[in-house]
Protein backbone atom coordinates (compact mmCIF):
# COMPACT_ATOMS: atom_id res chain seq x y z
CA UNK A 1 146.55 -26.93 -105.40
CA UNK A 2 143.35 -25.15 -106.40
CA UNK A 3 144.51 -22.03 -104.55
CA UNK A 4 147.77 -22.13 -106.47
CA UNK A 5 145.93 -22.40 -109.76
CA UNK A 6 143.70 -19.51 -108.76
CA UNK A 7 146.71 -17.32 -108.00
CA UNK A 8 148.29 -18.22 -111.33
CA UNK A 9 145.01 -17.42 -113.10
CA UNK A 10 144.78 -14.02 -111.35
CA UNK A 11 148.39 -13.28 -112.28
CA UNK A 12 147.69 -14.14 -115.92
CA UNK A 13 144.64 -11.87 -115.94
CA UNK A 14 146.66 -9.02 -114.39
CA UNK A 15 149.46 -9.32 -116.92
CA UNK A 16 146.92 -9.53 -119.74
CA UNK A 17 145.18 -6.40 -118.57
CA UNK A 18 148.50 -4.55 -118.45
CA UNK A 19 149.30 -5.68 -121.96
CA UNK A 20 145.90 -4.48 -123.12
CA UNK A 21 146.42 -1.08 -121.46
CA UNK A 22 149.80 -0.49 -123.11
CA UNK A 23 148.47 0.24 -126.62
CA UNK A 24 145.95 2.70 -125.20
CA UNK A 25 148.69 4.38 -123.16
CA UNK A 26 151.01 4.50 -126.17
CA UNK A 27 148.32 6.06 -128.32
CA UNK A 28 148.03 8.90 -125.78
CA UNK A 29 151.66 9.88 -126.33
CA UNK A 30 152.39 13.03 -128.36
CA UNK A 31 155.40 14.26 -130.26
CA UNK A 32 158.26 15.68 -128.26
CA UNK A 33 159.24 19.09 -129.75
CA UNK A 34 162.74 19.81 -131.01
CA UNK A 35 165.22 21.92 -129.07
CA UNK A 36 164.50 25.49 -130.25
CA UNK A 37 167.08 27.63 -132.02
CA UNK A 38 167.07 31.28 -130.91
CA UNK A 39 169.05 34.51 -130.67
CA UNK A 40 168.84 37.18 -127.98
CA UNK A 41 169.75 40.85 -128.39
CA UNK A 42 169.36 44.21 -126.68
CA UNK A 43 167.59 46.43 -129.22
CA UNK A 44 166.48 49.99 -128.41
CA UNK A 45 166.19 49.23 -124.70
CA UNK A 46 164.29 46.00 -125.25
CA UNK A 47 165.41 42.40 -124.70
CA UNK A 48 164.44 40.61 -127.94
CA UNK A 49 164.40 36.83 -128.31
CA UNK A 50 163.97 35.58 -131.87
CA UNK A 51 163.02 31.88 -131.94
CA UNK A 52 163.16 29.88 -135.17
CA UNK A 53 159.80 28.16 -135.65
CA UNK A 54 159.69 24.39 -136.01
CA UNK A 55 157.21 22.18 -137.87
CA UNK A 56 154.18 21.57 -135.69
CA UNK A 57 150.87 19.76 -136.11
CA UNK A 58 148.33 19.95 -133.27
CA UNK A 59 147.64 16.61 -131.59
CA UNK A 60 145.15 15.30 -129.06
CA UNK A 61 146.11 14.54 -125.47
CA UNK A 62 143.50 13.55 -122.88
CA UNK A 63 140.82 14.97 -125.14
CA UNK A 64 142.59 18.34 -125.42
CA UNK A 65 144.18 19.79 -128.56
CA UNK A 66 147.84 20.57 -128.04
CA UNK A 67 149.58 23.89 -128.69
CA UNK A 68 153.27 24.63 -129.18
CA UNK A 69 154.39 26.94 -126.38
CA UNK A 70 157.74 28.41 -125.43
CA UNK A 71 159.19 28.88 -121.99
CA UNK A 72 162.16 31.09 -121.13
CA UNK A 73 164.48 31.32 -118.15
CA UNK A 74 167.55 33.42 -117.39
CA UNK A 75 170.27 33.97 -114.81
CA UNK A 76 173.44 35.93 -114.23
CA UNK A 77 176.36 34.04 -115.74
CA UNK A 78 178.05 33.87 -112.33
CA UNK A 79 174.92 32.47 -110.64
CA UNK A 80 173.40 28.99 -110.46
CA UNK A 81 169.83 30.17 -109.91
CA UNK A 82 167.54 30.27 -112.95
CA UNK A 83 164.42 32.43 -113.03
CA UNK A 84 161.41 31.34 -115.08
CA UNK A 85 159.92 34.13 -117.18
CA UNK A 86 156.40 32.67 -117.30
CA UNK A 87 153.97 30.74 -115.11
CA UNK A 88 151.28 28.32 -116.25
CA UNK A 89 148.65 30.45 -114.52
CA UNK A 90 149.50 33.40 -116.78
CA UNK A 91 150.07 31.35 -119.93
CA UNK A 92 153.12 30.76 -122.10
CA UNK A 93 153.97 32.45 -125.42
CA UNK A 94 152.77 30.39 -128.38
CA UNK A 95 154.57 29.77 -131.65
CA UNK A 96 153.71 32.34 -134.31
CA UNK A 97 152.36 30.05 -137.01
CA UNK A 98 152.17 32.86 -139.56
CA UNK A 99 155.90 33.53 -139.60
CA UNK A 100 159.27 31.79 -139.77
CA UNK A 101 160.12 33.17 -136.34
CA UNK A 102 158.46 33.81 -133.02
CA UNK A 103 159.69 37.12 -131.57
CA UNK A 104 159.46 37.88 -127.85
CA UNK A 105 160.27 41.50 -126.98
CA UNK A 106 160.22 43.05 -123.50
CA UNK A 107 161.13 46.62 -122.56
CA UNK A 108 164.27 46.86 -120.46
CA UNK A 109 164.94 49.66 -118.03
CA UNK A 110 166.35 50.13 -114.56
CA UNK A 111 167.92 46.68 -114.74
CA UNK A 112 164.58 44.84 -115.14
CA UNK A 113 162.16 43.51 -117.71
CA UNK A 114 158.54 42.67 -116.95
CA UNK A 115 156.77 39.69 -118.48
CA UNK A 116 153.12 38.75 -118.04
CA UNK A 117 154.08 36.94 -114.83
CA UNK A 118 156.65 39.04 -112.96
CA UNK A 119 159.77 41.22 -113.10
CA UNK A 120 163.07 39.69 -114.17
CA UNK A 121 166.36 41.24 -113.05
CA UNK A 122 168.76 41.86 -115.96
CA UNK A 123 171.30 44.39 -114.66
CA UNK A 124 173.40 46.54 -116.95
CA UNK A 125 177.13 45.87 -117.13
CA UNK A 126 176.52 42.13 -116.73
CA UNK A 127 176.71 38.81 -118.55
CA UNK A 128 173.34 37.03 -118.66
CA UNK A 129 172.52 33.45 -119.71
CA UNK A 130 169.22 32.72 -121.46
CA UNK A 131 167.48 29.41 -122.14
CA UNK A 132 164.43 28.59 -124.27
CA UNK A 133 162.33 25.41 -124.16
CA UNK A 134 159.63 24.23 -126.59
CA UNK A 135 156.45 22.71 -125.10
CA UNK A 136 153.86 20.60 -126.95
CA UNK A 137 150.75 20.21 -124.84
CA UNK A 138 147.94 22.11 -123.15
CA UNK A 139 147.26 24.08 -119.98
CA UNK A 140 144.81 22.70 -117.44
CA UNK A 141 143.99 22.75 -113.77
CA UNK A 142 145.11 20.02 -111.38
CA UNK A 143 143.59 19.32 -107.96
CA UNK A 144 146.29 19.52 -105.32
CA UNK A 145 144.24 20.46 -102.28
CA UNK A 146 140.54 21.01 -102.90
CA UNK A 147 140.09 22.50 -99.43
CA UNK A 148 142.07 25.55 -100.55
CA UNK A 149 139.61 26.40 -103.27
CA UNK A 150 141.12 27.88 -106.43
CA UNK A 151 144.52 28.03 -104.74
CA UNK A 152 144.45 24.27 -104.37
CA UNK A 153 143.69 23.72 -108.06
CA UNK A 154 146.62 25.42 -109.85
CA UNK A 155 147.15 25.70 -113.57
CA UNK A 156 149.74 23.26 -114.90
CA UNK A 157 151.24 22.34 -118.26
CA UNK A 158 150.56 18.83 -119.51
CA UNK A 159 152.47 17.44 -122.44
CA UNK A 160 155.98 17.01 -123.81
CA UNK A 161 158.89 19.42 -123.47
CA UNK A 162 162.19 19.75 -125.31
CA UNK A 163 165.61 20.18 -123.76
CA UNK A 164 166.71 23.77 -123.11
CA UNK A 165 168.77 25.71 -125.67
CA UNK A 166 171.29 28.29 -124.49
CA UNK A 167 172.57 31.76 -125.38
CA UNK A 168 174.58 34.40 -123.49
CA UNK A 169 174.14 38.15 -123.83
CA UNK A 170 176.42 40.97 -122.67
CA UNK A 171 174.39 43.84 -121.21
CA UNK A 172 176.42 47.07 -121.60
CA UNK A 173 176.65 49.83 -118.99
CA UNK A 174 174.17 52.68 -119.32
CA UNK A 175 175.58 56.21 -119.60
CA UNK A 176 173.92 59.51 -118.74
CA UNK A 177 175.51 62.73 -120.02
CA UNK A 178 175.02 65.54 -117.48
CA UNK A 179 176.95 68.21 -119.41
CA UNK A 180 176.78 69.51 -122.04
CA UNK A 181 173.04 69.52 -122.55
CA UNK A 182 171.10 70.61 -125.62
CA UNK A 183 171.20 74.41 -125.74
CA UNK A 184 173.48 77.38 -126.23
CA UNK A 185 176.82 78.04 -124.51
CA UNK A 186 178.49 81.45 -124.56
CA UNK A 187 181.90 80.05 -123.59
CA UNK A 188 184.38 78.04 -125.64
CA UNK A 189 185.31 75.71 -122.76
CA UNK A 190 182.40 73.40 -121.87
CA UNK A 191 182.47 70.75 -119.07
CA UNK A 192 181.94 67.12 -120.11
CA UNK A 193 180.31 65.36 -117.13
CA UNK A 194 178.62 61.95 -117.23
CA UNK A 195 177.75 58.92 -115.10
CA UNK A 196 177.77 55.16 -115.76
CA UNK A 197 175.58 52.76 -113.77
CA UNK A 198 178.24 50.03 -113.46
CA UNK A 199 182.02 49.72 -113.27
CA UNK A 200 183.87 50.48 -116.51
CA UNK A 201 187.38 49.74 -117.76
CA UNK A 202 187.68 52.36 -120.52
CA UNK A 203 186.03 55.70 -121.38
CA UNK A 204 186.13 57.74 -124.58
CA UNK A 205 184.16 60.44 -126.36
CA UNK A 206 183.63 61.49 -129.96
CA UNK A 207 183.19 65.21 -130.69
CA UNK A 208 181.47 66.13 -133.95
CA UNK A 209 181.88 62.60 -135.30
CA UNK A 210 185.66 62.69 -135.05
CA UNK A 211 187.94 59.92 -133.81
CA UNK A 212 187.35 58.76 -130.24
CA UNK A 213 189.38 60.49 -127.52
CA UNK A 214 190.22 58.35 -124.48
CA UNK A 215 189.73 59.99 -121.08
CA UNK A 216 189.95 58.92 -117.44
CA UNK A 217 186.67 60.51 -116.36
CA UNK A 218 184.87 63.85 -116.41
CA UNK A 219 186.82 66.47 -118.36
CA UNK A 220 186.46 69.81 -120.18
CA UNK A 221 186.04 70.39 -123.88
CA UNK A 222 188.33 73.33 -124.63
CA UNK A 223 188.66 75.77 -127.49
CA UNK A 224 185.30 75.00 -129.09
CA UNK A 225 184.54 77.09 -132.13
CA UNK A 226 181.29 78.97 -132.53
CA UNK A 227 178.60 76.88 -134.15
CA UNK A 228 176.74 73.56 -133.76
CA UNK A 229 178.51 70.64 -132.05
CA UNK A 230 177.60 67.09 -130.97
CA UNK A 231 179.18 64.65 -128.56
CA UNK A 232 178.78 60.93 -127.74
CA UNK A 233 180.36 59.12 -124.78
CA UNK A 234 181.44 55.46 -124.94
CA UNK A 235 182.44 53.09 -122.12
CA UNK A 236 183.72 49.50 -122.05
CA UNK A 237 183.10 47.18 -119.11
CA UNK A 238 185.13 44.25 -117.82
CA UNK A 239 183.10 41.79 -119.96
CA UNK A 240 184.11 43.59 -123.15
CA UNK A 241 180.73 45.11 -123.98
CA UNK A 242 180.47 48.75 -125.09
CA UNK A 243 177.91 51.20 -123.75
CA UNK A 244 176.99 54.29 -125.73
CA UNK A 245 175.29 57.45 -124.54
CA UNK A 246 172.75 59.36 -126.55
CA UNK A 247 174.29 61.95 -128.86
CA UNK A 248 173.99 65.45 -127.40
CA UNK A 249 173.68 68.41 -129.79
CA UNK A 250 174.64 71.84 -128.49
CA UNK A 251 175.68 75.25 -129.82
CA UNK A 252 178.63 77.45 -128.89
CA UNK A 253 178.02 81.17 -129.46
CA UNK A 254 180.80 83.15 -127.81
CA UNK A 255 179.95 86.87 -128.26
CA UNK A 256 182.51 89.17 -129.88
CA UNK A 257 184.42 90.96 -127.03
CA UNK A 258 182.79 94.37 -126.24
CA UNK A 259 186.13 95.94 -125.27
CA UNK A 260 187.59 95.03 -128.64
CA UNK A 261 184.60 96.57 -130.40
CA UNK A 262 184.94 99.80 -128.39
CA UNK A 263 188.69 99.88 -129.01
CA UNK A 264 188.10 99.41 -132.72
CA UNK A 265 185.56 102.24 -132.78
CA UNK A 266 187.92 104.55 -130.88
CA UNK A 267 190.77 103.68 -133.22
CA UNK A 268 188.65 104.41 -136.27
CA UNK A 269 187.53 107.70 -134.72
CA UNK A 270 191.09 108.76 -133.88
CA UNK A 271 192.31 107.86 -137.35
CA UNK A 272 189.37 109.72 -138.86
CA UNK A 273 190.07 112.86 -136.81
CA UNK A 274 193.74 112.65 -137.69
CA UNK A 275 193.01 112.39 -141.37
CA UNK A 276 190.56 115.28 -141.16
CA UNK A 277 193.15 117.49 -139.48
CA UNK A 278 195.78 116.43 -142.01
CA UNK A 279 193.64 117.26 -145.01
CA UNK A 280 192.62 120.64 -143.53
CA UNK A 281 196.24 121.59 -142.98
CA UNK A 282 197.15 120.47 -146.45
CA UNK A 283 194.34 122.53 -147.99
CA UNK A 284 195.47 125.62 -146.13
CA UNK A 285 199.03 125.16 -147.29
CA UNK A 286 197.89 124.81 -150.86
CA UNK A 287 195.87 128.05 -150.59
CA UNK A 288 198.89 130.06 -149.45
């Protein structure tokens, strides 16, 4: 009987201790951030994410002051595999407290962007899904395997995270105009040659700002007048996005035909001689 009472007493003490721990545990909880609103665009060969800032007040967690971070991941629309843009060891972007928005901009070229952590594949002529997550917490090290030294104590995020928000971006094909190039052409028929780095469904060009002309591929610009010209090539891909080349400025300066000049000079000379002979004969006849 005494053993039974002792077990009951121990159980009561255990439950009491758990009840006493709960308030302390609850007080260590921090606010879960809201799902971030954002837009993503391709601007001047940069992938730009514009995240709407949310109200945030730093809190204390495990003796550390929290910060509002953002994490980003992306994938091809046809894929199931997401790629994180950032790692805890390199740090996450923080909310820009001095603005209404936090802007993340990364140069895009060759089908990749490079963050502080690694390269992210974002191919042209594709449809890419983006997700952003808000994170309220701090970065610290956690012992996983002390025998591995620093490798066994990785950096980790500790705190609360929001759900992911989603956006999709169409990445247009990239076009390179091979001909014409900036410079002078002494012919009125100039080849239009270009390449696109992904499959396209429609091609057109605009000459001197005029209405687009649809073509099947490389062609020739015929009958160009002397003077300054410019051309821009456009392509559409199967996702419906439009790629645009840089505008090429070039000059056509077809020289006046030499044979025509010589013929004109000869004609003038012949006419002049004829007139001279005519007037001489007429003068003689008048003198008689």
